[in-house]
Amino acid sequence: MNYMVKQTTAVVITVAFTEQFHIFVGDLSSEIETQQLREAFAPFGEVSDCRVVRDPQTLKSKGYGFVSFIKKSEAESAITAMNGQWLGSRSIRTNWATRKPPASKGNQPFVQIPAQSSEVLLMAAVFSGSPVKC
């Protein structure tokens, strides 16, 4: 008796991540919107991402946000120059953003992607089908 797998498919997925440098911006006054935050940091270079964090139910600002730059030197300049500056009705705090570790859900494995990676290669091999008698 001979057996063989009916069908085999291999899938390779490449995902490129652009390196970004993330800044935490704290003590934001409640009237500050994402666009205002972006405009305040734009003089330091290309802002690749920006957002004011809001409560998902009330949509009120949580008083902090994040600004990302492609170039580390631009992010460093922004942190130094903007720390203690007034934005709206409050003096803001700036620092490097850090990532919280993922919440543990039992013994489930997780994949953690580095905060500053240039490229990640994800590979998955998918085998489908069942043994067939020939």
N, C-alpha and C. Protein backbone atom coordinates (compact mmCIF):
# COMPACT_ATOMS: atom_id res chain seq x y z
N MET A 1 0.82 -1.17 0.00
CA MET A 1 0.00 0.00 0.00
C MET A 1 0.88 1.25 0.00
N ASN A 2 0.63 2.17 -0.89
CA ASN A 2 1.35 3.44 -0.95
C ASN A 2 0.42 4.58 -0.57
N TYR A 3 0.92 5.51 0.24
CA TYR A 3 0.16 6.68 0.64
C TYR A 3 0.91 7.93 0.19
N MET A 4 0.19 8.97 -0.17
CA MET A 4 0.82 10.25 -0.48
C MET A 4 -0.10 11.39 -0.06
N VAL A 5 0.49 12.53 0.17
CA VAL A 5 -0.30 13.70 0.54
C VAL A 5 -0.90 14.26 -0.74
N LYS A 6 -2.20 14.51 -0.71
CA LYS A 6 -2.92 14.95 -1.88
C LYS A 6 -2.49 16.35 -2.34
N GLN A 7 -2.33 17.30 -1.40
CA GLN A 7 -1.99 18.67 -1.79
C GLN A 7 -1.10 19.28 -0.71
N THR A 8 -0.08 19.99 -1.13
CA THR A 8 0.80 20.71 -0.21
C THR A 8 0.98 22.12 -0.74
N THR A 9 0.80 23.09 0.15
CA THR A 9 0.96 24.48 -0.24
C THR A 9 1.89 25.16 0.75
N ALA A 10 2.89 25.87 0.26
CA ALA A 10 3.79 26.64 1.13
C ALA A 10 3.54 28.11 0.88
N VAL A 11 3.45 28.87 1.96
CA VAL A 11 3.19 30.30 1.86
C VAL A 11 4.33 31.04 2.56
N VAL A 12 4.90 32.03 1.88
CA VAL A 12 5.93 32.87 2.48
C VAL A 12 5.43 34.30 2.44
N ILE A 13 5.42 34.94 3.60
CA ILE A 13 4.94 36.30 3.72
C ILE A 13 6.09 37.17 4.21
N THR A 14 6.36 38.25 3.50
CA THR A 14 7.39 39.19 3.93
C THR A 14 6.71 40.49 4.32
N VAL A 15 7.00 40.96 5.53
CA VAL A 15 6.44 42.20 6.01
C VAL A 15 7.60 43.13 6.35
N ALA A 16 7.63 44.28 5.72
CA ALA A 16 8.70 45.25 6.00
C ALA A 16 8.18 46.30 6.97
N PHE A 17 8.93 46.56 8.02
CA PHE A 17 8.58 47.58 8.99
C PHE A 17 9.60 48.69 8.88
N THR A 18 9.11 49.90 8.70
CA THR A 18 10.00 51.05 8.67
C THR A 18 10.36 51.38 10.11
N GLU A 19 11.63 51.59 10.33
CA GLU A 19 12.09 51.93 11.67
C GLU A 19 11.53 53.29 12.06
N GLN A 20 10.91 53.34 13.24
CA GLN A 20 10.35 54.59 13.74
C GLN A 20 10.82 54.81 15.17
N PHE A 21 10.84 56.07 15.57
CA PHE A 21 11.27 56.44 16.91
C PHE A 21 10.11 57.17 17.58
N HIS A 22 9.60 56.54 18.64
CA HIS A 22 8.35 56.97 19.25
C HIS A 22 8.60 57.82 20.49
N ILE A 23 7.87 58.93 20.58
CA ILE A 23 7.96 59.85 21.70
C ILE A 23 6.65 59.81 22.48
N PHE A 24 6.76 59.73 23.80
CA PHE A 24 5.62 59.88 24.69
C PHE A 24 5.47 61.36 25.00
N VAL A 25 4.25 61.86 24.91
CA VAL A 25 3.97 63.26 25.24
C VAL A 25 2.91 63.25 26.35
N GLY A 26 3.31 63.69 27.55
CA GLY A 26 2.40 63.67 28.69
C GLY A 26 1.95 65.06 29.11
N ASP A 27 0.97 65.07 29.99
CA ASP A 27 0.38 66.30 30.55
C ASP A 27 -0.29 67.16 29.47
N LEU A 28 -0.88 66.52 28.48
CA LEU A 28 -1.60 67.26 27.45
C LEU A 28 -2.89 67.83 28.03
N SER A 29 -3.20 69.06 27.68
CA SER A 29 -4.48 69.62 28.11
C SER A 29 -5.60 69.01 27.27
N SER A 30 -6.79 68.99 27.83
CA SER A 30 -7.91 68.27 27.21
C SER A 30 -8.33 68.82 25.86
N GLU A 31 -8.01 70.08 25.57
CA GLU A 31 -8.44 70.65 24.29
C GLU A 31 -7.50 70.32 23.12
N ILE A 32 -6.37 69.69 23.39
CA ILE A 32 -5.40 69.38 22.33
C ILE A 32 -5.90 68.21 21.48
N GLU A 33 -5.94 68.44 20.17
CA GLU A 33 -6.34 67.41 19.21
C GLU A 33 -5.09 66.85 18.53
N THR A 34 -5.23 65.71 17.87
CA THR A 34 -4.10 65.07 17.20
C THR A 34 -3.42 66.01 16.20
N GLN A 35 -4.19 66.75 15.44
CA GLN A 35 -3.62 67.65 14.43
C GLN A 35 -2.76 68.74 15.09
N GLN A 36 -3.20 69.27 16.22
CA GLN A 36 -2.42 70.29 16.93
C GLN A 36 -1.11 69.70 17.45
N LEU A 37 -1.16 68.47 17.93
CA LEU A 37 0.04 67.80 18.42
C LEU A 37 1.02 67.60 17.27
N ARG A 38 0.52 67.16 16.12
CA ARG A 38 1.36 66.97 14.93
C ARG A 38 2.02 68.28 14.52
N GLU A 39 1.25 69.35 14.48
CA GLU A 39 1.77 70.65 14.07
C GLU A 39 2.84 71.16 15.04
N ALA A 40 2.69 70.86 16.32
CA ALA A 40 3.67 71.31 17.31
C ALA A 40 5.02 70.61 17.13
N PHE A 41 5.00 69.36 16.65
CA PHE A 41 6.23 68.60 16.49
C PHE A 41 6.78 68.62 15.06
N ALA A 42 6.02 69.09 14.11
CA ALA A 42 6.43 69.12 12.70
C ALA A 42 7.72 69.91 12.44
N PRO A 43 8.01 71.00 13.16
CA PRO A 43 9.25 71.74 12.89
C PRO A 43 10.53 70.93 13.10
N PHE A 44 10.43 69.78 13.78
CA PHE A 44 11.62 68.98 14.07
C PHE A 44 11.93 67.93 13.01
N GLY A 45 10.99 67.73 12.08
CA GLY A 45 11.22 66.76 11.01
C GLY A 45 9.92 66.10 10.59
N GLU A 46 10.06 65.04 9.81
CA GLU A 46 8.89 64.33 9.29
C GLU A 46 8.23 63.49 10.38
N VAL A 47 7.01 63.87 10.73
CA VAL A 47 6.22 63.11 11.71
C VAL A 47 5.53 61.98 10.95
N SER A 48 5.91 60.75 11.27
CA SER A 48 5.35 59.60 10.56
C SER A 48 4.03 59.13 11.15
N ASP A 49 3.81 59.41 12.44
CA ASP A 49 2.56 59.01 13.09
C ASP A 49 2.38 59.91 14.30
N CYS A 50 1.13 60.15 14.64
CA CYS A 50 0.83 61.02 15.77
C CYS A 50 -0.59 60.73 16.24
N ARG A 51 -0.77 60.71 17.58
CA ARG A 51 -2.14 60.57 18.07
C ARG A 51 -2.24 60.97 19.53
N VAL A 52 -3.39 61.56 19.85
CA VAL A 52 -3.76 61.85 21.23
C VAL A 52 -4.59 60.65 21.68
N VAL A 53 -4.26 60.07 22.82
CA VAL A 53 -4.97 58.88 23.31
C VAL A 53 -6.26 59.33 23.99
N ARG A 54 -7.35 58.64 23.63
CA ARG A 54 -8.68 58.99 24.16
C ARG A 54 -9.33 57.78 24.81
N ASP A 55 -10.20 58.04 25.76
CA ASP A 55 -10.99 56.99 26.38
C ASP A 55 -11.96 56.47 25.32
N PRO A 56 -12.01 55.15 25.11
CA PRO A 56 -12.86 54.63 24.03
C PRO A 56 -14.36 54.85 24.24
N GLN A 57 -14.80 55.00 25.47
CA GLN A 57 -16.24 55.19 25.72
C GLN A 57 -16.65 56.65 25.69
N THR A 58 -15.87 57.50 26.37
CA THR A 58 -16.25 58.92 26.46
C THR A 58 -15.62 59.77 25.36
N LEU A 59 -14.57 59.24 24.72
CA LEU A 59 -13.78 59.95 23.71
C LEU A 59 -13.07 61.18 24.26
N LYS A 60 -12.99 61.30 25.58
CA LYS A 60 -12.23 62.38 26.19
C LYS A 60 -10.75 62.03 26.19
N SER A 61 -9.90 63.05 26.05
CA SER A 61 -8.46 62.85 26.06
C SER A 61 -8.03 62.27 27.40
N LYS A 62 -7.08 61.34 27.34
CA LYS A 62 -6.51 60.77 28.57
C LYS A 62 -5.32 61.61 29.06
N GLY A 63 -5.00 62.67 28.33
CA GLY A 63 -3.94 63.57 28.77
C GLY A 63 -2.55 63.21 28.30
N TYR A 64 -2.47 62.29 27.35
CA TYR A 64 -1.17 61.95 26.79
C TYR A 64 -1.33 61.52 25.34
N GLY A 65 -0.20 61.45 24.64
CA GLY A 65 -0.23 61.05 23.24
C GLY A 65 1.14 60.55 22.82
N PHE A 66 1.26 60.25 21.53
CA PHE A 66 2.50 59.73 20.97
C PHE A 66 2.77 60.41 19.63
N VAL A 67 4.05 60.68 19.40
CA VAL A 67 4.51 61.25 18.14
C VAL A 67 5.67 60.38 17.67
N SER A 68 5.67 60.02 16.38
CA SER A 68 6.74 59.17 15.83
C SER A 68 7.46 59.87 14.70
N PHE A 69 8.78 59.65 14.68
CA PHE A 69 9.64 60.19 13.63
C PHE A 69 10.39 59.04 12.96
N ILE A 70 10.75 59.21 11.70
CA ILE A 70 11.55 58.22 10.98
C ILE A 70 13.01 58.32 11.42
N LYS A 71 13.48 59.55 11.64
CA LYS A 71 14.89 59.76 11.99
C LYS A 71 15.06 59.95 13.50
N LYS A 72 16.00 59.21 14.05
CA LYS A 72 16.27 59.27 15.49
C LYS A 72 16.71 60.67 15.91
N SER A 73 17.55 61.31 15.10
CA SER A 73 18.06 62.64 15.45
C SER A 73 16.92 63.65 15.56
N GLU A 74 15.91 63.52 14.71
CA GLU A 74 14.76 64.43 14.77
C GLU A 74 13.95 64.19 16.03
N ALA A 75 13.77 62.94 16.39
CA ALA A 75 13.04 62.60 17.61
C ALA A 75 13.79 63.11 18.84
N GLU A 76 15.11 62.93 18.85
CA GLU A 76 15.92 63.42 19.97
C GLU A 76 15.79 64.94 20.12
N SER A 77 15.85 65.65 19.00
CA SER A 77 15.71 67.12 19.03
C SER A 77 14.34 67.52 19.56
N ALA A 78 13.31 66.81 19.13
CA ALA A 78 11.95 67.12 19.56
C ALA A 78 11.79 66.88 21.06
N ILE A 79 12.33 65.78 21.57
CA ILE A 79 12.23 65.48 23.00
C ILE A 79 12.90 66.59 23.81
N THR A 80 14.10 66.97 23.41
CA THR A 80 14.86 67.99 24.13
C THR A 80 14.17 69.35 24.08
N ALA A 81 13.76 69.75 22.90
CA ALA A 81 13.20 71.10 22.73
C ALA A 81 11.78 71.25 23.28
N MET A 82 10.98 70.19 23.19
CA MET A 82 9.57 70.31 23.58
C MET A 82 9.28 70.01 25.04
N ASN A 83 10.21 69.36 25.73
CA ASN A 83 9.98 69.04 27.14
C ASN A 83 9.84 70.33 27.95
N GLY A 84 8.71 70.48 28.62
CA GLY A 84 8.46 71.67 29.43
C GLY A 84 7.81 72.82 28.69
N GLN A 85 7.65 72.69 27.37
CA GLN A 85 7.02 73.76 26.58
C GLN A 85 5.50 73.75 26.79
N TRP A 86 4.91 74.90 26.57
CA TRP A 86 3.45 75.02 26.71
C TRP A 86 2.78 74.64 25.40
N LEU A 87 1.80 73.78 25.52
CA LEU A 87 0.95 73.40 24.39
C LEU A 87 -0.47 73.50 24.89
N GLY A 88 -1.22 74.43 24.34
CA GLY A 88 -2.54 74.71 24.90
C GLY A 88 -2.37 75.38 26.24
N SER A 89 -3.06 74.87 27.25
CA SER A 89 -3.04 75.51 28.57
C SER A 89 -2.13 74.81 29.58
N ARG A 90 -1.27 73.88 29.09
CA ARG A 90 -0.40 73.15 30.02
C ARG A 90 1.01 72.99 29.47
N SER A 91 1.93 72.81 30.39
CA SER A 91 3.32 72.50 30.06
C SER A 91 3.41 70.99 29.84
N ILE A 92 3.96 70.55 28.71
CA ILE A 92 3.99 69.12 28.38
C ILE A 92 5.31 68.48 28.82
N ARG A 93 5.27 67.16 28.95
CA ARG A 93 6.46 66.36 29.23
C ARG A 93 6.72 65.49 28.02
N THR A 94 7.97 65.34 27.63
CA THR A 94 8.32 64.46 26.51
C THR A 94 9.42 63.50 26.93
N ASN A 95 9.34 62.29 26.40
CA ASN A 95 10.34 61.27 26.67
C ASN A 95 10.20 60.18 25.63
N TRP A 96 11.18 59.26 25.59
CA TRP A 96 11.06 58.11 24.70
C TRP A 96 9.87 57.27 25.16
N ALA A 97 9.07 56.82 24.21
CA ALA A 97 7.96 55.93 24.52
C ALA A 97 8.50 54.53 24.76
N THR A 98 7.89 53.82 25.69
CA THR A 98 8.25 52.42 25.95
C THR A 98 7.01 51.58 25.72
N ARG A 99 7.23 50.33 25.36
CA ARG A 99 6.10 49.43 25.11
C ARG A 99 5.82 48.60 26.35
N LYS A 100 4.54 48.48 26.66
CA LYS A 100 4.14 47.60 27.75
C LYS A 100 4.25 46.16 27.27
N PRO A 101 4.65 45.24 28.15
CA PRO A 101 4.63 43.84 27.74
C PRO A 101 3.19 43.41 27.53
N PRO A 102 2.94 42.48 26.60
CA PRO A 102 1.57 42.05 26.33
C PRO A 102 0.96 41.40 27.57
N ALA A 103 -0.34 41.58 27.73
CA ALA A 103 -1.05 40.97 28.84
C ALA A 103 -1.02 39.45 28.68
N SER A 104 -0.69 38.76 29.76
CA SER A 104 -0.61 37.30 29.71
C SER A 104 -1.99 36.69 29.79
N LYS A 105 -2.28 35.76 28.90
CA LYS A 105 -3.56 35.05 28.90
C LYS A 105 -3.26 33.57 29.03
N GLY A 106 -2.93 33.16 30.23
CA GLY A 106 -2.61 31.75 30.45
C GLY A 106 -1.29 31.39 29.83
N ASN A 107 -1.22 30.22 29.23
CA ASN A 107 0.02 29.74 28.62
C ASN A 107 0.01 29.89 27.11
N GLN A 108 -0.82 30.81 26.58
CA GLN A 108 -0.87 30.98 25.14
C GLN A 108 0.41 31.65 24.65
N PRO A 109 1.01 31.09 23.62
CA PRO A 109 2.22 31.71 23.08
C PRO A 109 1.86 33.00 22.34
N PHE A 110 2.80 33.92 22.28
CA PHE A 110 2.59 35.15 21.54
C PHE A 110 3.85 35.49 20.77
N VAL A 111 3.69 36.30 19.76
CA VAL A 111 4.82 36.77 18.96
C VAL A 111 5.01 38.23 19.29
N GLN A 112 6.20 38.62 19.68
CA GLN A 112 6.49 40.01 19.97
C GLN A 112 7.43 40.54 18.90
N ILE A 113 7.00 41.62 18.25
CA ILE A 113 7.80 42.24 17.20
C ILE A 113 8.60 43.36 17.85
N PRO A 114 9.91 43.42 17.63
CA PRO A 114 10.72 44.47 18.24
C PRO A 114 10.21 45.85 17.89
N ALA A 115 10.33 46.78 18.83
CA ALA A 115 9.82 48.14 18.64
C ALA A 115 10.50 48.86 17.49
N GLN A 116 11.77 48.56 17.27
CA GLN A 116 12.50 49.26 16.21
C GLN A 116 13.21 48.23 15.35
N SER A 117 12.44 47.63 14.42
CA SER A 117 13.03 46.63 13.54
C SER A 117 12.91 47.10 12.09
N SER A 118 13.92 46.84 11.31
CA SER A 118 13.91 47.28 9.92
C SER A 118 13.07 46.37 9.05
N GLU A 119 13.21 45.09 9.25
CA GLU A 119 12.44 44.16 8.43
C GLU A 119 12.25 42.86 9.19
N VAL A 120 11.07 42.32 9.08
CA VAL A 120 10.77 41.05 9.72
C VAL A 120 10.29 40.10 8.64
N LEU A 121 10.83 38.91 8.64
CA LEU A 121 10.42 37.91 7.66
C LEU A 121 9.58 36.88 8.38
N LEU A 122 8.35 36.79 7.98
CA LEU A 122 7.46 35.81 8.56
C LEU A 122 7.26 34.69 7.55
N MET A 123 7.46 33.48 8.00
CA MET A 123 7.28 32.35 7.10
C MET A 123 6.26 31.39 7.70
N ALA A 124 5.38 30.90 6.87
CA ALA A 124 4.42 29.91 7.33
C ALA A 124 4.28 28.84 6.26
N ALA A 125 4.32 27.65 6.68
CA ALA A 125 4.09 26.55 5.76
C ALA A 125 2.74 25.95 6.09
N VAL A 126 1.89 25.88 5.13
CA VAL A 126 0.55 25.36 5.34
C VAL A 126 0.42 24.08 4.54
N PHE A 127 0.07 23.03 5.23
CA PHE A 127 -0.12 21.75 4.57
C PHE A 127 -1.59 21.38 4.68
N SER A 128 -2.20 21.15 3.57
CA SER A 128 -3.59 20.77 3.60
C SER A 128 -3.78 19.46 2.87
N GLY A 129 -4.86 18.85 3.13
CA GLY A 129 -5.14 17.57 2.49
C GLY A 129 -4.95 16.43 3.45
N SER A 130 -5.31 15.27 3.04
CA SER A 130 -5.18 14.10 3.88
C SER A 130 -4.52 12.99 3.07
N PRO A 131 -3.96 12.00 3.77
CA PRO A 131 -3.34 10.90 3.05
C PRO A 131 -4.37 10.22 2.14
N VAL A 132 -3.94 9.86 0.96
CA VAL A 132 -4.82 9.23 -0.01
C VAL A 132 -4.20 7.88 -0.41
N LYS A 133 -5.02 6.88 -0.46
CA LYS A 133 -4.53 5.55 -0.88
C LYS A 133 -4.35 5.55 -2.39
N CYS A 134 -3.19 5.13 -2.88
CA CYS A 134 -2.93 5.10 -4.32
C CYS A 134 -3.07 3.70 -4.85
